[in-house]
N, C-alpha and C. Protein backbone atom coordinates (compact mmCIF):
# COMPACT_ATOMS: atom_id res chain seq x y z
N MET A 1 -45.30 27.82 81.44
CA MET A 1 -44.82 27.71 80.07
C MET A 1 -43.66 26.71 80.02
N ALA A 2 -43.67 25.84 79.06
CA ALA A 2 -42.65 24.82 78.92
C ALA A 2 -41.34 25.44 78.43
N GLY A 3 -40.24 25.00 79.05
CA GLY A 3 -38.92 25.46 78.63
C GLY A 3 -38.33 24.55 77.58
N TYR A 4 -37.14 24.91 77.15
CA TYR A 4 -36.45 24.14 76.10
C TYR A 4 -36.26 22.69 76.52
N LEU A 5 -35.83 22.47 77.76
CA LEU A 5 -35.58 21.11 78.23
C LEU A 5 -36.86 20.27 78.20
N ASP A 6 -37.99 20.89 78.54
CA ASP A 6 -39.26 20.16 78.50
C ASP A 6 -39.58 19.69 77.09
N LYS A 7 -39.21 20.47 76.10
CA LYS A 7 -39.53 20.15 74.70
C LYS A 7 -38.51 19.22 74.05
N LEU A 8 -37.33 19.09 74.65
CA LEU A 8 -36.27 18.26 74.07
C LEU A 8 -36.69 16.79 74.13
N GLN A 9 -36.63 16.11 72.99
CA GLN A 9 -37.10 14.73 72.89
C GLN A 9 -35.96 13.76 72.56
N ALA A 10 -36.11 12.52 73.04
CA ALA A 10 -35.17 11.47 72.66
C ALA A 10 -35.17 11.36 71.14
N GLY A 11 -33.99 11.19 70.59
CA GLY A 11 -33.84 11.09 69.14
C GLY A 11 -33.45 12.39 68.47
N THR A 12 -33.61 13.52 69.16
CA THR A 12 -33.14 14.80 68.62
C THR A 12 -31.63 14.72 68.47
N PHE A 13 -31.11 15.21 67.36
CA PHE A 13 -29.66 15.12 67.15
C PHE A 13 -29.11 16.37 66.49
N ALA A 14 -27.80 16.51 66.62
CA ALA A 14 -27.05 17.58 65.96
C ALA A 14 -25.69 17.00 65.57
N SER A 15 -25.06 17.62 64.57
CA SER A 15 -23.76 17.10 64.13
C SER A 15 -22.84 18.24 63.71
N GLN A 16 -21.56 17.90 63.63
CA GLN A 16 -20.55 18.84 63.17
C GLN A 16 -19.42 18.03 62.56
N GLY A 17 -18.87 18.51 61.46
CA GLY A 17 -17.80 17.79 60.78
C GLY A 17 -16.54 18.61 60.64
N LYS A 18 -15.45 17.90 60.35
CA LYS A 18 -14.14 18.54 60.19
C LYS A 18 -13.27 17.65 59.33
N THR A 19 -12.48 18.26 58.46
CA THR A 19 -11.45 17.54 57.74
C THR A 19 -10.17 17.58 58.57
N VAL A 20 -9.61 16.43 58.82
CA VAL A 20 -8.37 16.34 59.61
C VAL A 20 -7.22 16.87 58.75
N SER A 21 -6.50 17.82 59.29
CA SER A 21 -5.39 18.43 58.55
C SER A 21 -4.05 17.98 59.14
N ARG A 22 -2.99 18.29 58.43
CA ARG A 22 -1.64 17.97 58.95
C ARG A 22 -1.39 18.69 60.28
N GLU A 23 -1.98 19.84 60.47
CA GLU A 23 -1.80 20.58 61.72
C GLU A 23 -2.42 19.84 62.91
N ASP A 24 -3.36 18.94 62.65
CA ASP A 24 -3.99 18.17 63.71
C ASP A 24 -3.15 16.97 64.14
N LEU A 25 -2.12 16.63 63.35
CA LEU A 25 -1.37 15.41 63.59
C LEU A 25 -0.44 15.50 64.79
N SER A 26 -0.20 14.35 65.38
CA SER A 26 0.67 14.21 66.53
C SER A 26 1.32 12.84 66.42
N PRO A 27 2.46 12.57 66.91
CA PRO A 27 3.36 13.41 67.69
C PRO A 27 4.40 14.13 66.85
N LEU A 28 4.28 14.08 65.53
CA LEU A 28 5.27 14.72 64.68
C LEU A 28 5.17 16.23 64.77
N PRO A 29 6.30 16.92 64.67
CA PRO A 29 6.24 18.38 64.60
C PRO A 29 5.43 18.82 63.40
N LYS A 30 4.80 19.97 63.50
CA LYS A 30 3.91 20.44 62.43
C LYS A 30 4.64 20.69 61.12
N ASP A 31 5.95 20.92 61.19
CA ASP A 31 6.68 21.16 59.94
C ASP A 31 7.06 19.85 59.24
N GLY A 32 6.67 18.71 59.82
CA GLY A 32 6.95 17.43 59.19
C GLY A 32 8.33 16.88 59.48
N SER A 33 9.15 17.64 60.22
CA SER A 33 10.48 17.15 60.55
C SER A 33 10.38 16.06 61.61
N VAL A 34 11.42 15.26 61.69
CA VAL A 34 11.46 14.17 62.66
C VAL A 34 12.79 14.26 63.40
N ALA A 35 12.74 14.13 64.72
CA ALA A 35 13.96 14.15 65.51
C ALA A 35 14.82 12.94 65.16
N PRO A 36 16.13 13.06 65.27
CA PRO A 36 17.01 11.92 64.96
C PRO A 36 16.60 10.69 65.76
N GLY A 37 16.55 9.54 65.06
CA GLY A 37 16.20 8.30 65.72
C GLY A 37 14.70 8.03 65.81
N GLU A 38 13.87 9.01 65.47
CA GLU A 38 12.42 8.81 65.51
C GLU A 38 11.93 8.25 64.19
N ASP A 39 10.90 7.44 64.26
CA ASP A 39 10.27 6.87 63.07
C ASP A 39 9.08 7.75 62.70
N ARG A 40 8.86 7.95 61.42
CA ARG A 40 7.72 8.76 60.96
C ARG A 40 6.40 8.01 61.14
N LYS A 41 6.44 6.72 61.40
CA LYS A 41 5.23 5.91 61.49
C LYS A 41 4.78 5.79 62.95
N THR A 42 3.47 5.63 63.15
CA THR A 42 2.93 5.28 64.46
C THR A 42 2.56 3.81 64.39
N ARG A 43 2.03 3.26 65.45
CA ARG A 43 1.61 1.85 65.40
C ARG A 43 0.45 1.66 64.43
N PHE A 44 -0.15 2.77 63.97
CA PHE A 44 -1.24 2.71 63.00
C PHE A 44 -0.73 2.82 61.56
N GLY A 45 0.57 2.93 61.39
CA GLY A 45 1.15 2.95 60.06
C GLY A 45 1.46 4.33 59.52
N GLU A 46 0.92 5.35 60.15
CA GLU A 46 1.20 6.73 59.74
C GLU A 46 0.78 7.66 60.88
N PRO A 47 1.17 8.93 60.83
CA PRO A 47 0.82 9.85 61.90
C PRO A 47 -0.70 10.00 62.05
N ILE A 48 -1.14 10.17 63.29
CA ILE A 48 -2.56 10.36 63.59
C ILE A 48 -2.73 11.63 64.41
N PRO A 49 -3.95 12.19 64.48
CA PRO A 49 -4.18 13.38 65.30
C PRO A 49 -4.03 13.07 66.78
N GLN A 50 -3.83 14.10 67.57
CA GLN A 50 -3.78 13.90 69.02
C GLN A 50 -5.12 13.33 69.48
N GLY A 51 -5.12 12.61 70.57
CA GLY A 51 -6.25 11.79 70.99
C GLY A 51 -7.57 12.49 71.22
N LEU A 52 -7.56 13.76 71.60
CA LEU A 52 -8.82 14.43 71.92
C LEU A 52 -9.40 15.23 70.77
N MET A 53 -8.82 15.13 69.58
CA MET A 53 -9.38 15.87 68.45
C MET A 53 -10.80 15.40 68.13
N SER A 54 -11.01 14.09 67.99
CA SER A 54 -12.35 13.59 67.66
C SER A 54 -13.37 13.85 68.77
N PRO A 55 -13.05 13.53 70.04
CA PRO A 55 -14.00 13.88 71.10
C PRO A 55 -14.23 15.38 71.21
N GLY A 56 -13.24 16.17 70.83
CA GLY A 56 -13.42 17.62 70.86
C GLY A 56 -14.58 18.08 69.99
N LEU A 57 -14.78 17.39 68.87
CA LEU A 57 -15.94 17.71 68.02
C LEU A 57 -17.24 17.45 68.76
N ILE A 58 -17.28 16.35 69.51
CA ILE A 58 -18.48 16.02 70.31
C ILE A 58 -18.76 17.15 71.28
N PHE A 59 -17.72 17.58 72.01
CA PHE A 59 -17.90 18.61 73.02
C PHE A 59 -18.26 19.96 72.40
N ASP A 60 -17.78 20.21 71.18
CA ASP A 60 -18.19 21.43 70.47
C ASP A 60 -19.69 21.44 70.22
N VAL A 61 -20.23 20.31 69.77
CA VAL A 61 -21.68 20.21 69.51
C VAL A 61 -22.45 20.41 70.80
N ILE A 62 -22.01 19.74 71.87
CA ILE A 62 -22.73 19.81 73.16
C ILE A 62 -22.74 21.23 73.70
N GLY A 63 -21.61 21.92 73.65
CA GLY A 63 -21.53 23.26 74.21
C GLY A 63 -22.17 24.33 73.36
N ALA A 64 -22.33 24.05 72.06
CA ALA A 64 -22.83 25.09 71.16
C ALA A 64 -24.28 24.90 70.74
N SER A 65 -24.76 23.66 70.66
CA SER A 65 -26.10 23.50 70.09
C SER A 65 -26.97 22.44 70.74
N LEU A 66 -26.45 21.27 71.05
CA LEU A 66 -27.30 20.22 71.60
C LEU A 66 -26.60 19.58 72.79
N PRO A 67 -27.17 19.64 73.95
CA PRO A 67 -28.57 19.91 74.19
C PRO A 67 -28.95 21.39 74.21
N ALA A 68 -27.98 22.28 74.51
CA ALA A 68 -28.27 23.72 74.49
C ALA A 68 -26.96 24.49 74.54
N HIS A 69 -26.97 25.71 74.01
CA HIS A 69 -25.80 26.58 74.09
C HIS A 69 -25.42 26.75 75.56
N GLY A 70 -24.16 26.49 75.88
CA GLY A 70 -23.69 26.66 77.25
C GLY A 70 -23.81 25.41 78.11
N ALA A 71 -24.28 24.30 77.56
CA ALA A 71 -24.37 23.07 78.33
C ALA A 71 -22.96 22.63 78.75
N ALA A 72 -22.86 22.03 79.94
CA ALA A 72 -21.57 21.58 80.46
C ALA A 72 -21.58 20.06 80.63
N VAL A 73 -20.52 19.44 80.18
CA VAL A 73 -20.38 17.99 80.31
C VAL A 73 -20.08 17.66 81.77
N THR A 74 -20.85 16.72 82.33
CA THR A 74 -20.64 16.30 83.72
C THR A 74 -20.19 14.84 83.82
N GLY A 75 -20.29 14.11 82.73
CA GLY A 75 -19.84 12.72 82.72
C GLY A 75 -19.67 12.25 81.30
N ARG A 76 -18.75 11.30 81.12
CA ARG A 76 -18.53 10.78 79.77
C ARG A 76 -17.94 9.38 79.85
N GLU A 77 -18.31 8.58 78.90
CA GLU A 77 -17.73 7.26 78.71
C GLU A 77 -17.55 7.08 77.21
N LEU A 78 -16.31 7.14 76.77
CA LEU A 78 -16.00 7.10 75.35
C LEU A 78 -15.07 5.93 75.05
N THR A 79 -15.30 5.29 73.92
CA THR A 79 -14.44 4.22 73.45
C THR A 79 -13.82 4.65 72.13
N PHE A 80 -12.50 4.54 72.04
CA PHE A 80 -11.78 4.86 70.81
C PHE A 80 -11.69 3.59 69.99
N LEU A 81 -12.32 3.59 68.82
CA LEU A 81 -12.47 2.37 68.03
C LEU A 81 -11.46 2.22 66.90
N ARG A 82 -11.05 3.32 66.30
CA ARG A 82 -10.08 3.25 65.20
C ARG A 82 -9.47 4.65 65.02
N PRO A 83 -8.29 4.70 64.41
CA PRO A 83 -7.64 6.00 64.22
C PRO A 83 -8.23 6.77 63.04
N VAL A 84 -7.94 8.04 63.00
CA VAL A 84 -8.22 8.87 61.84
C VAL A 84 -6.89 9.41 61.33
N TYR A 85 -6.88 9.81 60.08
CA TYR A 85 -5.65 10.24 59.43
C TYR A 85 -5.86 11.58 58.74
N ALA A 86 -4.76 12.25 58.42
CA ALA A 86 -4.83 13.50 57.67
C ALA A 86 -5.62 13.26 56.39
N GLY A 87 -6.54 14.15 56.10
CA GLY A 87 -7.38 14.04 54.91
C GLY A 87 -8.73 13.42 55.19
N ASP A 88 -8.88 12.70 56.31
CA ASP A 88 -10.18 12.12 56.65
C ASP A 88 -11.16 13.22 57.02
N PHE A 89 -12.42 13.05 56.65
CA PHE A 89 -13.49 13.93 57.11
C PHE A 89 -14.22 13.18 58.21
N VAL A 90 -14.26 13.75 59.41
CA VAL A 90 -14.93 13.12 60.54
C VAL A 90 -16.15 13.94 60.94
N THR A 91 -17.19 13.24 61.36
CA THR A 91 -18.44 13.89 61.75
C THR A 91 -18.85 13.42 63.14
N ALA A 92 -19.04 14.36 64.05
CA ALA A 92 -19.56 14.05 65.38
C ALA A 92 -21.07 14.16 65.34
N ILE A 93 -21.75 13.12 65.84
CA ILE A 93 -23.21 13.11 65.91
C ILE A 93 -23.60 12.92 67.37
N VAL A 94 -24.38 13.84 67.88
CA VAL A 94 -24.84 13.83 69.27
C VAL A 94 -26.35 13.65 69.24
N THR A 95 -26.84 12.62 69.94
CA THR A 95 -28.27 12.29 69.92
C THR A 95 -28.79 12.20 71.34
N VAL A 96 -29.93 12.84 71.61
CA VAL A 96 -30.54 12.78 72.93
C VAL A 96 -31.04 11.36 73.18
N LYS A 97 -30.60 10.81 74.32
CA LYS A 97 -31.02 9.47 74.72
C LYS A 97 -32.10 9.56 75.80
N ASP A 98 -31.88 10.44 76.79
CA ASP A 98 -32.79 10.57 77.92
C ASP A 98 -32.57 11.94 78.56
N LYS A 99 -33.53 12.34 79.39
CA LYS A 99 -33.39 13.61 80.10
C LYS A 99 -33.98 13.49 81.50
N ASP A 100 -33.47 14.33 82.39
CA ASP A 100 -34.00 14.45 83.75
C ASP A 100 -34.29 15.93 83.95
N VAL A 101 -35.56 16.30 83.79
CA VAL A 101 -35.95 17.71 83.83
C VAL A 101 -35.62 18.33 85.19
N SER A 102 -35.89 17.61 86.29
CA SER A 102 -35.66 18.17 87.62
C SER A 102 -34.18 18.43 87.88
N ALA A 103 -33.28 17.60 87.33
CA ALA A 103 -31.84 17.80 87.51
C ALA A 103 -31.23 18.64 86.39
N ARG A 104 -32.02 18.97 85.38
CA ARG A 104 -31.58 19.75 84.23
C ARG A 104 -30.46 19.04 83.46
N THR A 105 -30.50 17.70 83.44
CA THR A 105 -29.47 16.94 82.76
C THR A 105 -30.04 16.17 81.56
N VAL A 106 -29.15 15.91 80.62
CA VAL A 106 -29.50 15.16 79.43
C VAL A 106 -28.42 14.10 79.22
N THR A 107 -28.85 12.88 78.91
CA THR A 107 -27.93 11.81 78.54
C THR A 107 -27.92 11.73 77.03
N LEU A 108 -26.73 11.70 76.46
CA LEU A 108 -26.55 11.76 75.01
C LEU A 108 -25.76 10.57 74.51
N ASP A 109 -26.23 9.97 73.43
CA ASP A 109 -25.43 9.00 72.70
C ASP A 109 -24.56 9.80 71.75
N VAL A 110 -23.28 9.48 71.70
CA VAL A 110 -22.36 10.23 70.85
C VAL A 110 -21.54 9.28 70.00
N VAL A 111 -21.25 9.72 68.79
CA VAL A 111 -20.39 8.95 67.89
C VAL A 111 -19.67 9.92 66.97
N VAL A 112 -18.44 9.58 66.63
CA VAL A 112 -17.71 10.28 65.59
C VAL A 112 -17.43 9.25 64.51
N ASN A 113 -17.89 9.55 63.30
CA ASN A 113 -17.69 8.66 62.15
C ASN A 113 -16.65 9.23 61.21
N ASN A 114 -15.91 8.34 60.55
CA ASN A 114 -15.00 8.82 59.51
C ASN A 114 -15.77 8.96 58.20
N ASP A 115 -15.06 9.31 57.13
CA ASP A 115 -15.74 9.56 55.86
C ASP A 115 -16.28 8.30 55.19
N GLU A 116 -15.98 7.14 55.77
CA GLU A 116 -16.57 5.90 55.28
C GLU A 116 -17.71 5.43 56.19
N CYS A 117 -18.15 6.32 57.08
CA CYS A 117 -19.22 6.07 58.06
C CYS A 117 -18.85 5.00 59.08
N ASP A 118 -17.56 4.73 59.26
CA ASP A 118 -17.10 3.83 60.31
C ASP A 118 -16.95 4.64 61.60
N PRO A 119 -17.46 4.15 62.72
CA PRO A 119 -17.29 4.89 63.97
C PRO A 119 -15.83 4.86 64.42
N VAL A 120 -15.30 6.01 64.82
CA VAL A 120 -13.94 6.09 65.34
C VAL A 120 -13.95 6.32 66.85
N VAL A 121 -15.00 6.97 67.36
CA VAL A 121 -15.22 7.16 68.80
C VAL A 121 -16.71 7.01 69.02
N ALA A 122 -17.09 6.31 70.11
CA ALA A 122 -18.50 6.16 70.44
C ALA A 122 -18.66 6.09 71.95
N GLY A 123 -19.83 6.50 72.43
CA GLY A 123 -20.08 6.42 73.86
C GLY A 123 -21.30 7.19 74.29
N THR A 124 -21.27 7.56 75.57
CA THR A 124 -22.38 8.27 76.21
C THR A 124 -21.83 9.45 76.99
N VAL A 125 -22.53 10.56 76.94
CA VAL A 125 -22.14 11.78 77.66
C VAL A 125 -23.35 12.29 78.42
N THR A 126 -23.11 12.78 79.63
CA THR A 126 -24.15 13.45 80.40
C THR A 126 -23.80 14.93 80.46
N ALA A 127 -24.80 15.77 80.25
CA ALA A 127 -24.56 17.21 80.28
C ALA A 127 -25.65 17.88 81.10
N VAL A 128 -25.29 18.97 81.75
CA VAL A 128 -26.24 19.77 82.50
C VAL A 128 -26.49 21.05 81.70
N LEU A 129 -27.76 21.44 81.64
CA LEU A 129 -28.12 22.62 80.88
C LEU A 129 -28.04 23.86 81.77
N PRO A 130 -27.71 25.00 81.19
CA PRO A 130 -27.66 26.24 81.96
C PRO A 130 -29.06 26.67 82.36
N GLU A 131 -29.15 27.44 83.42
CA GLU A 131 -30.44 28.00 83.83
C GLU A 131 -31.01 28.80 82.67
N GLY A 132 -32.30 28.69 82.46
CA GLY A 132 -32.97 29.43 81.40
C GLY A 132 -33.06 28.68 80.08
N ALA A 133 -32.36 27.56 79.99
CA ALA A 133 -32.41 26.77 78.75
C ALA A 133 -33.59 25.82 78.78
C-alpha cells in the first residue's frame, strides 16, 4: 500500500499567513521606549521584526502540514530580500520541488511574500518525514 510520501507530488503546496504586530518588532523594547542615545529608526527607515520571524512561518508550515505533520528540517538555504514592517501581512508558501522516497526526504521551494506579493524571503528547504508518514 502506498504511503503519504509515495503520493506526495511536485507542485503540492501549503501556506500560512500572519500580520506583523508591534510585538514582533526588534530591536526596540516592546513598550516603544528607546534607551538614551538610541535612534528609533533602523537602516530600513523604521523598526522591523527580528530576523527569524518570516522564516519561522515557513518552518511552521513544514512541521505542521507540508510535507507532513512532524517533518524535521535537515537543510535550508534562505535569502532575505526585503524587510517587513508592523502592519504588513506576510504569507509563507511551501511547495514540493522533489522527493527521495528511500531517504524519506522532500526538497521544498519556499517563499514568504508581503501583502503586495513581493518576496521577502525565498529559498530551498530539505525536510525528512517521520516514520509512518
